[in-house]
Amino acid sequence: MFDVIAGLAEAFIVADDRGRIIGVNSACAAMLGYGSGGSLVGCALTEIMPARFHEAHRAGFARYLETGESRLAGRSVRVPAVRADGTEVAVDLTVHLWRAPDGKLVVFGALLEPDASRAVLVDLEAELAARRFERVERPLDDGAGSH
């Protein structure tokens, strides 16, 4: 499996059903400043995410494992990634979910540095902020009918 992604120009990261990184290609390692990428293998995916996304990631991953429902699979979203030096870089992320022959979940993530010529992507931070706003506003609208 890793032989397939190793030489690709696009940055790929692969994780297992525990959310642990099991493979990183050289393009991803270079983009995130990790040299060969070996130091990321075995780390949690949250290692390359800003802390403000850790809880949402854990909840979404747990929901997927429990229900099979994923809000990110197959979509391209703009997300911040954390480089080895602690700085953030915006990347376009596409998540692909696959079950290995032994039944274990494998998560492929394609991380691409943003390119203005690409189609407009969902901005994950803006989407999460909108969802929080909807949760706050909805109770006011429910049952508080118009005059």
C-alpha atoms as a PDB file:
ATOM      1  CA  MET A   1       0.000   0.000   0.000  1.00  0.00           C
ATOM      2  CA  PHE A   2       2.743   2.473   0.919  1.00  0.00           C
ATOM      3  CA  ASP A   3       4.606   1.705  -2.301  1.00  0.00           C
ATOM      4  CA  VAL A   4       1.667   3.187  -4.203  1.00  0.00           C
ATOM      5  CA  ILE A   5       1.740   6.565  -2.442  1.00  0.00           C
ATOM      6  CA  ALA A   6       5.495   6.830  -1.839  1.00  0.00           C
ATOM      7  CA  GLY A   7       6.418   8.411  -5.160  1.00  0.00           C
ATOM      8  CA  LEU A   8       3.317  10.518  -5.708  1.00  0.00           C
ATOM      9  CA  ALA A   9       3.761  14.279  -6.065  1.00  0.00           C
ATOM     10  CA  GLU A  10       0.691  14.869  -3.899  1.00  0.00           C
ATOM     11  CA  ALA A  11       1.190  14.747  -0.162  1.00  0.00           C
ATOM     12  CA  PHE A  12      -0.409  11.645   1.368  1.00  0.00           C
ATOM     13  CA  ILE A  13      -0.766  10.502   4.932  1.00  0.00           C
ATOM     14  CA  VAL A  14      -2.258   7.163   5.989  1.00  0.00           C
ATOM     15  CA  ALA A  15      -3.757   6.325   9.376  1.00  0.00           C
ATOM     16  CA  ASP A  16      -5.295   3.266  10.967  1.00  0.00           C
ATOM     17  CA  ASP A  17      -8.572   2.666  12.786  1.00  0.00           C
ATOM     18  CA  ARG A  18      -7.060   4.045  16.005  1.00  0.00           C
ATOM     19  CA  GLY A  19      -6.247   7.388  14.400  1.00  0.00           C
ATOM     20  CA  ARG A  20      -2.515   6.599  14.377  1.00  0.00           C
ATOM     21  CA  ILE A  21      -0.324   7.558  11.438  1.00  0.00           C
ATOM     22  CA  ILE A  22       0.985   4.436   9.714  1.00  0.00           C
ATOM     23  CA  GLY A  23       2.508   6.013   6.612  1.00  0.00           C
ATOM     24  CA  VAL A  24       3.597   9.342   5.185  1.00  0.00           C
ATOM     25  CA  ASN A  25       5.002   9.925   1.726  1.00  0.00           C
ATOM     26  CA  SER A  26       7.966  12.206   1.088  1.00  0.00           C
ATOM     27  CA  ALA A  27       5.789  14.990  -0.387  1.00  0.00           C
ATOM     28  CA  CYS A  28       3.735  15.157   2.828  1.00  0.00           C
ATOM     29  CA  ALA A  29       6.791  14.982   5.065  1.00  0.00           C
ATOM     30  CA  ALA A  30       8.446  17.810   3.133  1.00  0.00           C
ATOM     31  CA  MET A  31       5.310  19.976   3.140  1.00  0.00           C
ATOM     32  CA  LEU A  32       4.955  19.586   6.900  1.00  0.00           C
ATOM     33  CA  GLY A  33       8.684  19.931   7.589  1.00  0.00           C
ATOM     34  CA  TYR A  34       9.314  16.404   8.883  1.00  0.00           C
ATOM     35  CA  GLY A  35      12.220  15.396   6.646  1.00  0.00           C
ATOM     36  CA  SER A  36      11.600  11.775   5.717  1.00  0.00           C
ATOM     37  CA  GLY A  37       8.328  11.591   7.677  1.00  0.00           C
ATOM     38  CA  GLY A  38       9.448   8.656   9.783  1.00  0.00           C
ATOM     39  CA  SER A  39       9.051  10.656  12.960  1.00  0.00           C
ATOM     40  CA  LEU A  40       5.305  10.965  12.292  1.00  0.00           C
ATOM     41  CA  VAL A  41       4.719   7.211  12.007  1.00  0.00           C
ATOM     42  CA  GLY A  42       3.044   6.007  15.189  1.00  0.00           C
ATOM     43  CA  CYS A  43       1.827   9.476  16.173  1.00  0.00           C
ATOM     44  CA  ALA A  44      -1.832  10.403  16.477  1.00  0.00           C
ATOM     45  CA  LEU A  45      -3.327  12.305  13.550  1.00  0.00           C
ATOM     46  CA  THR A  46      -3.896  15.143  15.988  1.00  0.00           C
ATOM     47  CA  GLU A  47      -0.116  15.688  15.916  1.00  0.00           C
ATOM     48  CA  ILE A  48      -0.548  17.548  12.622  1.00  0.00           C
ATOM     49  CA  MET A  49      -3.733  19.412  13.661  1.00  0.00           C
ATOM     50  CA  PRO A  50      -4.108  22.617  15.637  1.00  0.00           C
ATOM     51  CA  ALA A  51      -5.273  21.904  19.183  1.00  0.00           C
ATOM     52  CA  ARG A  52      -8.583  23.693  18.517  1.00  0.00           C
ATOM     53  CA  PHE A  53      -9.572  20.804  16.198  1.00  0.00           C
ATOM     54  CA  HIS A  54      -8.543  17.866  18.387  1.00  0.00           C
ATOM     55  CA  GLU A  55     -11.904  17.348  20.093  1.00  0.00           C
ATOM     56  CA  ALA A  56     -13.917  17.692  16.869  1.00  0.00           C
ATOM     57  CA  HIS A  57     -11.578  15.212  15.184  1.00  0.00           C
ATOM     58  CA  ARG A  58     -11.882  12.673  18.006  1.00  0.00           C
ATOM     59  CA  ALA A  59     -15.684  13.002  18.077  1.00  0.00           C
ATOM     60  CA  GLY A  60     -15.969  12.652  14.302  1.00  0.00           C
ATOM     61  CA  PHE A  61     -13.626   9.668  14.200  1.00  0.00           C
ATOM     62  CA  ALA A  62     -15.526   7.947  17.034  1.00  0.00           C
ATOM     63  CA  ARG A  63     -18.844   8.669  15.286  1.00  0.00           C
ATOM     64  CA  TYR A  64     -17.530   7.108  12.081  1.00  0.00           C
ATOM     65  CA  LEU A  65     -16.301   3.991  13.875  1.00  0.00           C
ATOM     66  CA  GLU A  66     -19.646   3.627  15.661  1.00  0.00           C
ATOM     67  CA  THR A  67     -22.079   4.506  12.853  1.00  0.00           C
ATOM     68  CA  GLY A  68     -20.150   4.469   9.590  1.00  0.00           C
ATOM     69  CA  GLU A  69     -21.191   8.111   9.038  1.00  0.00           C
ATOM     70  CA  SER A  70     -18.449  10.477   7.902  1.00  0.00           C
ATOM     71  CA  ARG A  71     -18.870  14.166   7.180  1.00  0.00           C
ATOM     72  CA  LEU A  72     -15.457  14.484   5.534  1.00  0.00           C
ATOM     73  CA  ALA A  73     -15.002  11.338   3.439  1.00  0.00           C
ATOM     74  CA  GLY A  74     -14.873  12.137  -0.236  1.00  0.00           C
ATOM     75  CA  ARG A  75     -15.042  15.906   0.284  1.00  0.00           C
ATOM     76  CA  SER A  76     -12.299  18.456  -0.187  1.00  0.00           C
ATOM     77  CA  VAL A  77     -11.982  20.817   2.737  1.00  0.00           C
ATOM     78  CA  ARG A  78      -9.537  23.567   3.535  1.00  0.00           C
ATOM     79  CA  VAL A  79      -7.992  22.908   6.937  1.00  0.00           C
ATOM     80  CA  PRO A  80      -4.988  24.157   8.857  1.00  0.00           C
ATOM     81  CA  ALA A  81      -2.187  21.672   9.425  1.00  0.00           C
ATOM     82  CA  VAL A  82       0.604  22.039  11.953  1.00  0.00           C
ATOM     83  CA  ARG A  83       4.135  21.834  10.625  1.00  0.00           C
ATOM     84  CA  ALA A  84       7.046  20.347  12.592  1.00  0.00           C
ATOM     85  CA  ASP A  85       8.118  23.850  13.658  1.00  0.00           C
ATOM     86  CA  GLY A  86       4.651  24.552  15.108  1.00  0.00           C
ATOM     87  CA  THR A  87       3.524  26.939  12.389  1.00  0.00           C
ATOM     88  CA  GLU A  88       0.223  26.410  10.624  1.00  0.00           C
ATOM     89  CA  VAL A  89      -0.219  25.967   6.908  1.00  0.00           C
ATOM     90  CA  ALA A  90      -3.567  25.828   5.129  1.00  0.00           C
ATOM     91  CA  VAL A  91      -3.981  22.623   3.142  1.00  0.00           C
ATOM     92  CA  ASP A  92      -6.708  21.139   1.026  1.00  0.00           C
ATOM     93  CA  LEU A  93      -7.645  17.787   2.540  1.00  0.00           C
ATOM     94  CA  THR A  94      -9.519  14.943   0.914  1.00  0.00           C
ATOM     95  CA  VAL A  95     -10.236  11.946   3.145  1.00  0.00           C
ATOM     96  CA  HIS A  96     -10.702   8.474   1.690  1.00  0.00           C
ATOM     97  CA  LEU A  97     -11.837   5.580   3.876  1.00  0.00           C
ATOM     98  CA  TRP A  98     -11.003   1.994   2.987  1.00  0.00           C
ATOM     99  CA  ARG A  99     -11.290  -1.328   4.787  1.00  0.00           C
ATOM    100  CA  ALA A 100      -8.323  -3.640   4.440  1.00  0.00           C
ATOM    101  CA  PRO A 101      -8.924  -7.336   3.716  1.00  0.00           C
ATOM    102  CA  ASP A 102      -8.588  -8.041   7.457  1.00  0.00           C
ATOM    103  CA  GLY A 103     -11.463  -5.598   8.119  1.00  0.00           C
ATOM    104  CA  LYS A 104      -9.372  -2.856   9.689  1.00  0.00           C
ATOM    105  CA  LEU A 105     -10.093   0.695   8.693  1.00  0.00           C
ATOM    106  CA  VAL A 106      -7.425   2.567   6.800  1.00  0.00           C
ATOM    107  CA  VAL A 107      -7.718   6.311   6.309  1.00  0.00           C
ATOM    108  CA  PHE A 108      -5.984   7.896   3.349  1.00  0.00           C
ATOM    109  CA  GLY A 109      -5.651  11.637   3.482  1.00  0.00           C
ATOM    110  CA  ALA A 110      -4.455  13.625   0.530  1.00  0.00           C
ATOM    111  CA  LEU A 111      -3.020  16.923   1.711  1.00  0.00           C
ATOM    112  CA  LEU A 112      -2.465  19.455  -1.000  1.00  0.00           C
ATOM    113  CA  GLU A 113      -1.092  22.920  -0.512  1.00  0.00           C
ATOM    114  CA  PRO A 114      -3.800  25.391  -1.493  1.00  0.00           C
ATOM    115  CA  ASP A 115      -3.879  26.419  -5.113  1.00  0.00           C
ATOM    116  CA  ALA A 116      -6.006  29.406  -6.073  1.00  0.00           C
ATOM    117  CA  SER A 117      -6.762  27.842  -9.462  1.00  0.00           C
ATOM    118  CA  ARG A 118      -8.610  24.907  -7.892  1.00  0.00           C
ATOM    119  CA  ALA A 119     -12.358  24.812  -7.349  1.00  0.00           C
ATOM    120  CA  VAL A 120     -13.686  26.609  -4.291  1.00  0.00           C
ATOM    121  CA  LEU A 121     -13.384  24.371  -1.254  1.00  0.00           C
ATOM    122  CA  VAL A 122     -15.326  24.230   1.962  1.00  0.00           C
ATOM    123  CA  ASP A 123     -13.479  26.176   4.641  1.00  0.00           C
ATOM    124  CA  LEU A 124     -13.669  23.870   7.678  1.00  0.00           C
ATOM    125  CA  GLU A 125     -13.176  26.637  10.233  1.00  0.00           C
ATOM    126  CA  ALA A 126     -16.001  28.702   8.709  1.00  0.00           C
ATOM    127  CA  GLU A 127     -18.253  25.639   8.526  1.00  0.00           C
ATOM    128  CA  LEU A 128     -17.635  24.747  12.181  1.00  0.00           C
ATOM    129  CA  ALA A 129     -18.296  28.348  13.231  1.00  0.00           C
ATOM    130  CA  ALA A 130     -21.562  28.335  11.263  1.00  0.00           C
ATOM    131  CA  ARG A 131     -22.646  25.086  12.938  1.00  0.00           C
ATOM    132  CA  ARG A 132     -21.943  26.540  16.380  1.00  0.00           C
ATOM    133  CA  PHE A 133     -23.968  29.645  15.463  1.00  0.00           C
ATOM    134  CA  GLU A 134     -26.861  27.455  14.223  1.00  0.00           C
ATOM    135  CA  ARG A 135     -26.911  25.519  17.498  1.00  0.00           C
ATOM    136  CA  VAL A 136     -27.058  28.760  19.466  1.00  0.00           C
ATOM    137  CA  GLU A 137     -29.704  30.378  17.244  1.00  0.00           C
ATOM    138  CA  ARG A 138     -31.969  27.365  16.632  1.00  0.00           C
ATOM    139  CA  PRO A 139     -33.501  27.250  20.141  1.00  0.00           C
ATOM    140  CA  LEU A 140     -34.634  30.855  19.696  1.00  0.00           C
ATOM    141  CA  ASP A 141     -36.401  29.974  16.451  1.00  0.00           C
ATOM    142  CA  ASP A 142     -38.004  26.738  17.669  1.00  0.00           C
ATOM    143  CA  GLY A 143     -41.437  27.442  19.095  1.00  0.00           C
ATOM    144  CA  ALA A 144     -40.956  31.177  19.084  1.00  0.00           C
ATOM    145  CA  GLY A 145     -43.288  31.605  16.123  1.00  0.00           C
ATOM    146  CA  SER A 146     -43.999  34.795  14.310  1.00  0.00           C
ATOM    147  CA  HIS A 147     -46.738  37.190  15.395  1.00  0.00           C
END
